[in-house]
Amino acid sequence: MHRHPDNPNLSLVYGPLWRGLPLPTTSGPYIHEYLDRLREVLADVGSRYARQCIVRFDLHFPQGLYKPDPSSISRFFHRLQREIANDQKKRPRCYSCEISYCWAAEQDRSVNQHYHVALFLNKDAYYGLGRYPSTGFADEIVLENARGLAHCILRAWAHALWLHPRDVLGCVFFAFNGVYLTCPQLSNPF
């Protein structure tokens, strides 16, 4: 196995397979230790929930924010769990939904650092993003009280940056076809 040139503690995976599982060949090389950690997260989520909803999105810092605070990602996940718990309380039927996640910071191909996030949830609680927050909903009351996963994510990112939700509109990018639903027989392929 080859070592990562910038970090000798990490090993690189080349090729179309890793532990017998296919890897996208359009990207890579992959980092073996990160793939192992992702596998652990998937196994943990599969043991808690028979059906999962996986959501992929990016968190960007607003323009003009000179130096991003590295603790903002921790604040984001802590607040997101609270936002989801509050959102669930407003529903007629409440399901447990302890979040799991994987994230990576990137600045390589962009001017500012940003985060790539994969969020793992109970599919009984969330099976999609709901309505997307947009500038058409920039009214403070709507942003602060709107329901749905996308609004929870927006409010959590705003809280993590010590900003109002309207100030981070456009800083949360939801991936096209970025919601994945598992079925019971495929919930834990590992």
N, C-alpha and C. Protein backbone atom coordinates (compact mmCIF):
# COMPACT_ATOMS: atom_id res chain seq x y z
N MET A 1 0.84 -1.17 0.00
CA MET A 1 0.00 0.00 0.00
C MET A 1 0.89 1.24 0.00
N HIS A 2 0.50 2.24 -0.74
CA HIS A 2 1.26 3.49 -0.82
C HIS A 2 0.86 4.42 0.32
N ARG A 3 1.81 5.16 0.83
CA ARG A 3 1.56 6.15 1.88
C ARG A 3 1.18 7.47 1.25
N HIS A 4 0.37 8.23 1.96
CA HIS A 4 -0.02 9.57 1.50
C HIS A 4 1.22 10.46 1.53
N PRO A 5 1.47 11.24 0.46
CA PRO A 5 2.70 12.04 0.42
C PRO A 5 2.76 13.13 1.49
N ASP A 6 1.60 13.64 1.94
CA ASP A 6 1.58 14.71 2.94
C ASP A 6 1.42 14.19 4.37
N ASN A 7 1.00 12.92 4.51
CA ASN A 7 0.79 12.36 5.83
C ASN A 7 1.13 10.87 5.80
N PRO A 8 2.29 10.49 6.26
CA PRO A 8 2.71 9.08 6.19
C PRO A 8 1.87 8.14 7.06
N ASN A 9 1.00 8.68 7.92
CA ASN A 9 0.11 7.84 8.72
C ASN A 9 -1.09 7.34 7.92
N LEU A 10 -1.29 7.90 6.76
CA LEU A 10 -2.43 7.52 5.92
C LEU A 10 -1.95 6.72 4.72
N SER A 11 -2.72 5.70 4.35
CA SER A 11 -2.37 4.89 3.19
C SER A 11 -3.41 5.06 2.10
N LEU A 12 -2.93 5.02 0.85
CA LEU A 12 -3.77 5.27 -0.31
C LEU A 12 -4.26 3.97 -0.92
N VAL A 13 -5.49 4.02 -1.42
CA VAL A 13 -6.10 2.88 -2.09
C VAL A 13 -6.30 3.27 -3.55
N TYR A 14 -5.71 2.50 -4.44
CA TYR A 14 -5.89 2.69 -5.88
C TYR A 14 -6.71 1.52 -6.39
N GLY A 15 -7.41 1.72 -7.47
CA GLY A 15 -8.12 0.60 -8.09
C GLY A 15 -9.61 0.67 -7.90
N PRO A 16 -10.30 -0.21 -8.57
CA PRO A 16 -11.76 -0.17 -8.57
C PRO A 16 -12.41 -0.86 -7.37
N LEU A 17 -11.63 -1.61 -6.55
CA LEU A 17 -12.21 -2.34 -5.42
C LEU A 17 -11.46 -2.04 -4.13
N TRP A 18 -12.20 -2.02 -3.04
CA TRP A 18 -11.65 -1.91 -1.70
C TRP A 18 -12.42 -2.90 -0.82
N ARG A 19 -11.71 -3.85 -0.24
CA ARG A 19 -12.33 -4.89 0.58
C ARG A 19 -13.49 -5.57 -0.15
N GLY A 20 -13.31 -5.75 -1.45
CA GLY A 20 -14.32 -6.40 -2.27
C GLY A 20 -15.48 -5.52 -2.68
N LEU A 21 -15.46 -4.26 -2.27
CA LEU A 21 -16.53 -3.32 -2.61
C LEU A 21 -16.07 -2.39 -3.73
N PRO A 22 -16.98 -2.04 -4.64
CA PRO A 22 -16.57 -1.16 -5.74
C PRO A 22 -16.35 0.28 -5.29
N LEU A 23 -15.36 0.90 -5.87
CA LEU A 23 -15.08 2.32 -5.66
C LEU A 23 -15.28 3.05 -6.98
N PRO A 24 -15.81 4.27 -6.94
CA PRO A 24 -15.93 5.03 -8.18
C PRO A 24 -14.55 5.25 -8.79
N THR A 25 -14.41 4.97 -10.05
CA THR A 25 -13.10 5.11 -10.70
C THR A 25 -12.85 6.52 -11.19
N THR A 26 -13.88 7.39 -11.13
CA THR A 26 -13.70 8.76 -11.58
C THR A 26 -12.97 9.61 -10.54
N SER A 27 -12.86 9.10 -9.33
CA SER A 27 -12.16 9.82 -8.26
C SER A 27 -11.02 8.94 -7.74
N GLY A 28 -10.29 9.47 -6.84
CA GLY A 28 -9.25 8.67 -6.21
C GLY A 28 -7.89 9.29 -6.43
N PRO A 29 -6.91 8.78 -5.75
CA PRO A 29 -6.96 7.62 -4.87
C PRO A 29 -7.75 7.92 -3.60
N TYR A 30 -8.16 6.86 -2.91
CA TYR A 30 -8.91 6.97 -1.68
C TYR A 30 -7.98 6.71 -0.50
N ILE A 31 -8.37 7.20 0.66
CA ILE A 31 -7.57 6.99 1.86
C ILE A 31 -8.18 5.83 2.64
N HIS A 32 -7.36 4.80 2.82
CA HIS A 32 -7.79 3.56 3.45
C HIS A 32 -8.42 3.80 4.83
N GLU A 33 -7.79 4.60 5.65
CA GLU A 33 -8.28 4.85 7.01
C GLU A 33 -9.63 5.55 7.00
N TYR A 34 -9.85 6.44 6.04
CA TYR A 34 -11.14 7.13 5.95
C TYR A 34 -12.23 6.16 5.50
N LEU A 35 -11.90 5.27 4.58
CA LEU A 35 -12.87 4.27 4.14
C LEU A 35 -13.24 3.34 5.30
N ASP A 36 -12.25 2.96 6.11
CA ASP A 36 -12.53 2.12 7.28
C ASP A 36 -13.47 2.84 8.25
N ARG A 37 -13.22 4.12 8.48
CA ARG A 37 -14.07 4.89 9.41
C ARG A 37 -15.49 5.01 8.87
N LEU A 38 -15.62 5.26 7.58
CA LEU A 38 -16.95 5.34 6.97
C LEU A 38 -17.69 4.02 7.13
N ARG A 39 -16.98 2.94 6.97
CA ARG A 39 -17.58 1.61 7.14
C ARG A 39 -18.08 1.41 8.57
N GLU A 40 -17.31 1.88 9.56
CA GLU A 40 -17.73 1.80 10.95
C GLU A 40 -19.00 2.61 11.21
N VAL A 41 -19.07 3.81 10.63
CA VAL A 41 -20.25 4.65 10.80
C VAL A 41 -21.47 3.96 10.19
N LEU A 42 -21.32 3.42 8.99
CA LEU A 42 -22.43 2.72 8.35
C LEU A 42 -22.89 1.51 9.17
N ALA A 43 -21.97 0.76 9.73
CA ALA A 43 -22.33 -0.40 10.55
C ALA A 43 -23.07 0.05 11.81
N ASP A 44 -22.62 1.14 12.42
CA ASP A 44 -23.28 1.66 13.62
C ASP A 44 -24.70 2.11 13.31
N VAL A 45 -24.87 2.86 12.23
CA VAL A 45 -26.20 3.34 11.85
C VAL A 45 -27.10 2.15 11.51
N GLY A 46 -26.56 1.16 10.81
CA GLY A 46 -27.33 -0.03 10.46
C GLY A 46 -27.78 -0.82 11.68
N SER A 47 -26.99 -0.77 12.75
CA SER A 47 -27.38 -1.48 13.97
C SER A 47 -28.48 -0.73 14.74
N ARG A 48 -28.57 0.59 14.56
CA ARG A 48 -29.59 1.38 15.25
C ARG A 48 -30.89 1.48 14.49
N TYR A 49 -30.81 1.60 13.16
CA TYR A 49 -32.01 1.83 12.34
C TYR A 49 -32.04 0.83 11.19
N ALA A 50 -33.16 0.17 11.04
CA ALA A 50 -33.30 -0.80 9.95
C ALA A 50 -33.33 -0.10 8.59
N ARG A 51 -33.87 1.11 8.57
CA ARG A 51 -33.93 1.88 7.32
C ARG A 51 -33.28 3.23 7.57
N GLN A 52 -32.42 3.63 6.63
CA GLN A 52 -31.71 4.89 6.81
C GLN A 52 -31.95 5.85 5.65
N CYS A 53 -31.81 7.12 5.97
CA CYS A 53 -31.80 8.19 4.98
C CYS A 53 -30.41 8.82 5.08
N ILE A 54 -29.72 8.88 3.96
CA ILE A 54 -28.38 9.47 3.92
C ILE A 54 -28.46 10.72 3.06
N VAL A 55 -28.01 11.82 3.59
CA VAL A 55 -28.09 13.11 2.89
C VAL A 55 -26.69 13.66 2.71
N ARG A 56 -26.40 14.09 1.50
CA ARG A 56 -25.10 14.65 1.14
C ARG A 56 -25.24 16.14 0.85
N PHE A 57 -24.42 16.98 1.49
CA PHE A 57 -24.47 18.43 1.26
C PHE A 57 -23.12 19.05 1.59
N ASP A 58 -22.96 20.31 1.20
CA ASP A 58 -21.74 21.07 1.48
C ASP A 58 -22.07 22.28 2.33
N LEU A 59 -21.18 22.62 3.23
CA LEU A 59 -21.32 23.81 4.07
C LEU A 59 -20.20 24.78 3.71
N HIS A 60 -20.57 25.95 3.24
CA HIS A 60 -19.60 26.98 2.87
C HIS A 60 -19.66 28.12 3.87
N PHE A 61 -18.54 28.79 4.02
CA PHE A 61 -18.50 29.98 4.85
C PHE A 61 -18.96 31.16 4.00
N PRO A 62 -19.68 32.11 4.60
CA PRO A 62 -20.15 33.27 3.84
C PRO A 62 -18.98 34.10 3.29
N GLN A 63 -19.23 34.76 2.18
CA GLN A 63 -18.23 35.66 1.60
C GLN A 63 -17.89 36.73 2.62
N GLY A 64 -16.64 37.08 2.70
CA GLY A 64 -16.22 38.14 3.61
C GLY A 64 -15.82 37.64 4.99
N LEU A 65 -16.07 36.38 5.30
CA LEU A 65 -15.63 35.83 6.58
C LEU A 65 -14.15 35.54 6.43
N TYR A 66 -13.32 36.36 7.07
CA TYR A 66 -11.88 36.31 6.82
C TYR A 66 -11.26 34.98 7.20
N LYS A 67 -11.42 34.59 8.45
CA LYS A 67 -10.78 33.34 8.89
C LYS A 67 -11.84 32.43 9.50
N PRO A 68 -12.15 31.31 8.82
CA PRO A 68 -13.14 30.38 9.37
C PRO A 68 -12.69 29.79 10.70
N ASP A 69 -13.63 29.65 11.60
CA ASP A 69 -13.38 29.07 12.92
C ASP A 69 -13.43 27.55 12.79
N PRO A 70 -12.32 26.83 13.10
CA PRO A 70 -12.32 25.38 12.94
C PRO A 70 -13.30 24.66 13.86
N SER A 71 -13.74 25.29 14.96
CA SER A 71 -14.70 24.63 15.85
C SER A 71 -16.13 24.77 15.35
N SER A 72 -16.33 25.49 14.25
CA SER A 72 -17.69 25.68 13.74
C SER A 72 -18.34 24.36 13.31
N ILE A 73 -17.57 23.42 12.81
CA ILE A 73 -18.16 22.15 12.36
C ILE A 73 -18.66 21.35 13.56
N SER A 74 -17.96 21.40 14.68
CA SER A 74 -18.43 20.73 15.90
C SER A 74 -19.70 21.38 16.42
N ARG A 75 -19.72 22.71 16.44
CA ARG A 75 -20.93 23.43 16.86
C ARG A 75 -22.09 23.09 15.94
N PHE A 76 -21.83 22.96 14.64
CA PHE A 76 -22.88 22.62 13.68
C PHE A 76 -23.55 21.29 14.04
N PHE A 77 -22.77 20.23 14.25
CA PHE A 77 -23.36 18.92 14.52
C PHE A 77 -24.08 18.89 15.86
N HIS A 78 -23.52 19.58 16.85
CA HIS A 78 -24.19 19.64 18.15
C HIS A 78 -25.55 20.33 18.02
N ARG A 79 -25.57 21.45 17.32
CA ARG A 79 -26.82 22.20 17.14
C ARG A 79 -27.79 21.45 16.25
N LEU A 80 -27.28 20.77 15.22
CA LEU A 80 -28.16 20.03 14.32
C LEU A 80 -28.95 18.96 15.08
N GLN A 81 -28.31 18.27 16.02
CA GLN A 81 -29.03 17.27 16.80
C GLN A 81 -30.18 17.92 17.57
N ARG A 82 -29.95 19.11 18.13
CA ARG A 82 -31.01 19.84 18.84
C ARG A 82 -32.10 20.29 17.89
N GLU A 83 -31.73 20.79 16.72
CA GLU A 83 -32.72 21.23 15.74
C GLU A 83 -33.61 20.07 15.31
N ILE A 84 -33.02 18.90 15.09
CA ILE A 84 -33.78 17.73 14.67
C ILE A 84 -34.71 17.28 15.80
N ALA A 85 -34.23 17.29 17.03
CA ALA A 85 -35.09 16.92 18.17
C ALA A 85 -36.28 17.87 18.27
N ASN A 86 -36.04 19.17 18.10
CA ASN A 86 -37.13 20.14 18.15
C ASN A 86 -38.09 19.95 16.98
N ASP A 87 -37.56 19.68 15.80
CA ASP A 87 -38.40 19.46 14.63
C ASP A 87 -39.28 18.22 14.82
N GLN A 88 -38.71 17.18 15.41
CA GLN A 88 -39.48 15.95 15.64
C GLN A 88 -40.62 16.18 16.63
N LYS A 89 -40.40 17.04 17.63
CA LYS A 89 -41.45 17.33 18.62
C LYS A 89 -42.67 18.00 18.00
N LYS A 90 -42.46 18.71 16.89
CA LYS A 90 -43.56 19.42 16.22
C LYS A 90 -44.38 18.50 15.33
N ARG A 91 -43.95 17.29 15.15
CA ARG A 91 -44.62 16.35 14.25
C ARG A 91 -45.67 15.54 15.00
N PRO A 92 -46.70 15.08 14.28
CA PRO A 92 -47.72 14.27 14.95
C PRO A 92 -47.17 12.94 15.47
N ARG A 93 -46.16 12.43 14.80
CA ARG A 93 -45.53 11.17 15.22
C ARG A 93 -44.03 11.42 15.35
N CYS A 94 -43.49 11.13 16.51
CA CYS A 94 -42.09 11.43 16.79
C CYS A 94 -41.27 10.14 16.77
N TYR A 95 -40.18 10.12 16.01
CA TYR A 95 -39.28 8.97 15.93
C TYR A 95 -37.92 9.36 16.50
N SER A 96 -37.24 8.39 17.06
CA SER A 96 -35.88 8.68 17.51
C SER A 96 -35.02 8.95 16.27
N CYS A 97 -34.13 9.88 16.40
CA CYS A 97 -33.28 10.22 15.25
C CYS A 97 -31.96 10.78 15.74
N GLU A 98 -31.13 9.90 16.24
CA GLU A 98 -29.78 10.29 16.63
C GLU A 98 -28.94 10.33 15.35
N ILE A 99 -28.31 11.46 15.08
CA ILE A 99 -27.58 11.60 13.82
C ILE A 99 -26.21 10.95 13.91
N SER A 100 -25.76 10.48 12.78
CA SER A 100 -24.37 10.07 12.57
C SER A 100 -23.90 10.81 11.33
N TYR A 101 -22.61 10.97 11.19
CA TYR A 101 -22.13 11.78 10.08
C TYR A 101 -20.68 11.47 9.75
N CYS A 102 -20.30 11.85 8.55
CA CYS A 102 -18.91 11.89 8.10
C CYS A 102 -18.73 13.24 7.44
N TRP A 103 -17.58 13.83 7.61
CA TRP A 103 -17.32 15.11 6.97
C TRP A 103 -15.85 15.22 6.60
N ALA A 104 -15.59 16.09 5.65
CA ALA A 104 -14.22 16.38 5.24
C ALA A 104 -14.12 17.86 4.90
N ALA A 105 -13.06 18.49 5.35
CA ALA A 105 -12.80 19.88 5.00
C ALA A 105 -12.02 19.91 3.70
N GLU A 106 -12.35 20.87 2.85
CA GLU A 106 -11.64 20.99 1.58
C GLU A 106 -11.43 22.46 1.25
N GLN A 107 -10.27 22.73 0.68
CA GLN A 107 -10.01 24.06 0.15
C GLN A 107 -9.26 23.96 -1.16
N ASP A 108 -8.88 22.77 -1.53
CA ASP A 108 -8.05 22.53 -2.71
C ASP A 108 -8.53 23.23 -3.97
N ARG A 109 -9.80 23.05 -4.29
CA ARG A 109 -10.32 23.56 -5.57
C ARG A 109 -11.17 24.81 -5.43
N SER A 110 -11.17 25.43 -4.27
CA SER A 110 -11.99 26.64 -4.12
C SER A 110 -11.21 27.70 -3.36
N VAL A 111 -11.72 28.92 -3.39
CA VAL A 111 -11.05 30.04 -2.73
C VAL A 111 -11.11 29.87 -1.22
N ASN A 112 -12.28 29.49 -0.71
CA ASN A 112 -12.47 29.36 0.73
C ASN A 112 -12.63 27.90 1.14
N GLN A 113 -12.26 27.63 2.37
CA GLN A 113 -12.46 26.30 2.92
C GLN A 113 -13.97 26.04 3.01
N HIS A 114 -14.35 24.79 2.82
CA HIS A 114 -15.75 24.38 3.00
C HIS A 114 -15.76 22.92 3.44
N TYR A 115 -16.92 22.45 3.83
CA TYR A 115 -17.05 21.09 4.34
C TYR A 115 -17.97 20.27 3.45
N HIS A 116 -17.57 19.04 3.17
CA HIS A 116 -18.43 18.05 2.51
C HIS A 116 -18.99 17.19 3.64
N VAL A 117 -20.30 17.00 3.66
CA VAL A 117 -20.94 16.30 4.77
C VAL A 117 -21.84 15.20 4.24
N ALA A 118 -21.80 14.06 4.90
CA ALA A 118 -22.79 13.00 4.70
C ALA A 118 -23.45 12.77 6.06
N LEU A 119 -24.76 12.89 6.08
CA LEU A 119 -25.54 12.78 7.30
C LEU A 119 -26.37 11.50 7.24
N PHE A 120 -26.34 10.71 8.30
CA PHE A 120 -27.04 9.43 8.35
C PHE A 120 -28.15 9.53 9.39
N LEU A 121 -29.40 9.28 8.95
CA LEU A 121 -30.56 9.47 9.81
C LEU A 121 -31.49 8.27 9.77
N ASN A 122 -32.40 8.22 10.72
CA ASN A 122 -33.47 7.23 10.73
C ASN A 122 -34.46 7.59 9.62
N LYS A 123 -34.68 6.68 8.68
CA LYS A 123 -35.60 6.96 7.56
C LYS A 123 -37.03 7.13 8.04
N ASP A 124 -37.39 6.55 9.16
CA ASP A 124 -38.74 6.74 9.69
C ASP A 124 -38.95 8.18 10.15
N ALA A 125 -37.89 8.85 10.54
CA ALA A 125 -37.97 10.25 10.96
C ALA A 125 -37.86 11.20 9.77
N TYR A 126 -36.92 10.92 8.85
CA TYR A 126 -36.71 11.77 7.67
C TYR A 126 -36.46 10.89 6.45
N TYR A 127 -37.17 11.19 5.39
CA TYR A 127 -36.95 10.47 4.13
C TYR A 127 -36.62 11.43 3.01
N GLY A 128 -36.33 12.67 3.36
CA GLY A 128 -35.96 13.68 2.38
C GLY A 128 -35.63 14.98 3.09
N LEU A 129 -35.31 15.99 2.30
CA LEU A 129 -34.91 17.28 2.84
C LEU A 129 -36.09 18.18 3.20
N GLY A 130 -37.24 17.96 2.61
CA GLY A 130 -38.34 18.88 2.79
C GLY A 130 -38.14 20.09 1.89
N ARG A 131 -38.81 21.17 2.21
CA ARG A 131 -38.66 22.39 1.41
C ARG A 131 -37.28 22.99 1.62
N TYR A 132 -36.70 23.48 0.54
CA TYR A 132 -35.38 24.09 0.62
C TYR A 132 -35.51 25.53 1.09
N PRO A 133 -34.66 25.95 1.99
CA PRO A 133 -34.63 27.38 2.35
C PRO A 133 -34.10 28.17 1.16
N SER A 134 -34.70 29.29 0.87
CA SER A 134 -34.23 30.12 -0.23
C SER A 134 -34.46 31.58 0.09
N THR A 135 -33.96 32.44 -0.77
CA THR A 135 -34.12 33.87 -0.53
C THR A 135 -35.59 34.26 -0.56
N GLY A 136 -36.43 33.48 -1.20
CA GLY A 136 -37.87 33.74 -1.18
C GLY A 136 -38.47 33.54 0.20
N PHE A 137 -37.75 32.84 1.07
CA PHE A 137 -38.21 32.60 2.43
C PHE A 137 -37.33 33.32 3.44
N ALA A 138 -36.78 34.46 3.05
CA ALA A 138 -35.83 35.16 3.90
C ALA A 138 -36.48 35.84 5.10
N ASP A 139 -37.80 35.77 5.20
CA ASP A 139 -38.50 36.32 6.35
C ASP A 139 -38.00 35.62 7.62
N GLU A 140 -37.65 36.40 8.63
CA GLU A 140 -37.06 35.84 9.84
C GLU A 140 -37.95 34.80 10.51
N ILE A 141 -39.24 35.07 10.58
CA ILE A 141 -40.15 34.15 11.26
C ILE A 141 -40.23 32.83 10.51
N VAL A 142 -40.27 32.89 9.18
CA VAL A 142 -40.34 31.67 8.39
C VAL A 142 -39.07 30.85 8.57
N LEU A 143 -37.91 31.47 8.48
CA LEU A 143 -36.65 30.74 8.61
C LEU A 143 -36.48 30.13 10.00
N GLU A 144 -36.91 30.83 11.02
CA GLU A 144 -36.71 30.34 12.38
C GLU A 144 -37.71 29.26 12.77
N ASN A 145 -38.86 29.20 12.09
CA ASN A 145 -39.90 28.25 12.48
C ASN A 145 -40.21 27.19 11.43
N ALA A 146 -39.60 27.28 10.26
CA ALA A 146 -39.90 26.32 9.19
C ALA A 146 -39.47 24.92 9.61
N ARG A 147 -40.25 23.93 9.18
CA ARG A 147 -39.97 22.55 9.52
C ARG A 147 -39.26 21.88 8.36
N GLY A 148 -38.67 20.74 8.66
CA GLY A 148 -37.99 19.95 7.64
C GLY A 148 -36.49 19.93 7.85
N LEU A 149 -35.88 18.90 7.30
CA LEU A 149 -34.45 18.69 7.49
C LEU A 149 -33.60 19.80 6.90
N ALA A 150 -33.94 20.28 5.70
CA ALA A 150 -33.13 21.34 5.07
C ALA A 150 -33.09 22.58 5.94
N HIS A 151 -34.22 22.94 6.54
CA HIS A 151 -34.25 24.12 7.42
C HIS A 151 -33.47 23.86 8.71
N CYS A 152 -33.52 22.64 9.23
CA CYS A 152 -32.73 22.30 10.42
C CYS A 152 -31.24 22.48 10.12
N ILE A 153 -30.81 22.02 8.95
CA ILE A 153 -29.40 22.13 8.56
C ILE A 153 -29.00 23.60 8.43
N LEU A 154 -29.84 24.41 7.78
CA LEU A 154 -29.54 25.83 7.61
C LEU A 154 -29.43 26.53 8.97
N ARG A 155 -30.39 26.30 9.85
CA ARG A 155 -30.35 26.96 11.16
C ARG A 155 -29.13 26.51 11.98
N ALA A 156 -28.78 25.23 11.88
CA ALA A 156 -27.62 24.74 12.63
C ALA A 156 -26.33 25.37 12.11
N TRP A 157 -26.20 25.53 10.78
CA TRP A 157 -25.00 26.15 10.22
C TRP A 157 -24.94 27.62 10.62
N ALA A 158 -26.07 28.31 10.61
CA ALA A 158 -26.09 29.71 11.04
C ALA A 158 -25.66 29.82 12.51
N HIS A 159 -26.18 28.95 13.34
CA HIS A 159 -25.81 28.96 14.76
C HIS A 159 -24.31 28.70 14.93
N ALA A 160 -23.78 27.76 14.16
CA ALA A 160 -22.35 27.41 14.26
C ALA A 160 -21.46 28.59 13.89
N LEU A 161 -21.96 29.47 13.02
CA LEU A 161 -21.17 30.63 12.59
C LEU A 161 -21.52 31.90 13.36
N TRP A 162 -22.41 31.78 14.34
CA TRP A 162 -22.87 32.91 15.14
C TRP A 162 -23.58 33.94 14.27
N LEU A 163 -24.36 33.47 13.28
CA LEU A 163 -25.08 34.35 12.36
C LEU A 163 -26.56 34.04 12.39
N HIS A 164 -27.35 34.90 11.76
CA HIS A 164 -28.78 34.67 11.60
C HIS A 164 -28.98 33.77 10.38
N PRO A 165 -30.00 32.92 10.37
CA PRO A 165 -30.21 32.03 9.22
C PRO A 165 -30.26 32.75 7.86
N ARG A 166 -30.80 33.95 7.82
CA ARG A 166 -30.87 34.67 6.52
C ARG A 166 -29.47 35.01 6.00
N ASP A 167 -28.48 35.10 6.92
CA ASP A 167 -27.12 35.45 6.52
C ASP A 167 -26.34 34.28 5.92
N VAL A 168 -26.86 33.07 6.05
CA VAL A 168 -26.18 31.91 5.48
C VAL A 168 -26.98 31.29 4.34
N LEU A 169 -28.05 31.96 3.90
CA LEU A 169 -28.77 31.47 2.72
C LEU A 169 -27.78 31.43 1.56
N GLY A 170 -27.71 30.35 0.88
CA GLY A 170 -26.76 30.19 -0.22
C GLY A 170 -25.43 29.60 0.21
N CYS A 171 -25.24 29.37 1.50
CA CYS A 171 -24.00 28.78 2.00
C CYS A 171 -24.13 27.28 2.23
N VAL A 172 -25.34 26.76 2.18
CA VAL A 172 -25.57 25.33 2.30
C VAL A 172 -25.97 24.83 0.92
N PHE A 173 -25.17 23.94 0.35
CA PHE A 173 -25.42 23.42 -0.99
C PHE A 173 -25.82 21.95 -0.88
N PHE A 174 -27.06 21.67 -1.27
CA PHE A 174 -27.54 20.29 -1.25
C PHE A 174 -27.21 19.66 -2.60
N ALA A 175 -26.60 18.50 -2.55
CA ALA A 175 -26.15 17.82 -3.77
C ALA A 175 -27.35 17.39 -4.61
N PHE A 176 -27.22 17.50 -5.92
CA PHE A 176 -28.24 17.00 -6.84
C PHE A 176 -28.32 15.49 -6.66
N ASN A 177 -29.50 14.96 -6.46
CA ASN A 177 -29.69 13.53 -6.16
C ASN A 177 -28.87 13.12 -4.94
N GLY A 178 -28.84 13.98 -3.93
CA GLY A 178 -28.01 13.74 -2.76
C GLY A 178 -28.72 13.11 -1.58
N VAL A 179 -29.92 12.54 -1.80
CA VAL A 179 -30.63 11.84 -0.74
C VAL A 179 -30.70 10.37 -1.14
N TYR A 180 -30.21 9.51 -0.25
CA TYR A 180 -30.18 8.08 -0.51
C TYR A 180 -30.97 7.36 0.56
N LEU A 181 -31.87 6.49 0.15
CA LEU A 181 -32.68 5.73 1.08
C LEU A 181 -32.30 4.26 0.99
N THR A 182 -32.11 3.63 2.14
CA THR A 182 -31.78 2.22 2.15
C THR A 182 -33.04 1.39 2.37
N CYS A 183 -33.02 0.18 1.90
CA CYS A 183 -34.12 -0.74 2.17
C CYS A 183 -33.63 -1.75 3.19
N PRO A 184 -34.53 -2.38 3.95
CA PRO A 184 -34.10 -3.24 5.06
C PRO A 184 -33.09 -4.31 4.70
N GLN A 185 -33.23 -4.96 3.57
CA GLN A 185 -32.30 -6.04 3.25
C GLN A 185 -30.92 -5.52 2.83
N LEU A 186 -30.80 -4.22 2.55
CA LEU A 186 -29.51 -3.66 2.15
C LEU A 186 -28.97 -2.67 3.18
N SER A 187 -29.57 -2.63 4.37
CA SER A 187 -29.21 -1.56 5.30
C SER A 187 -27.77 -1.66 5.80
N ASN A 188 -27.18 -2.84 5.83
CA ASN A 188 -25.80 -2.95 6.30
C ASN A 188 -25.04 -3.94 5.42
N PRO A 189 -24.48 -3.45 4.30
CA PRO A 189 -23.77 -4.36 3.40
C PRO A 189 -22.43 -4.83 3.95
N PHE A 190 -22.01 -4.33 5.10
CA PHE A 190 -20.70 -4.70 5.64
C PHE A 190 -20.85 -5.79 6.66
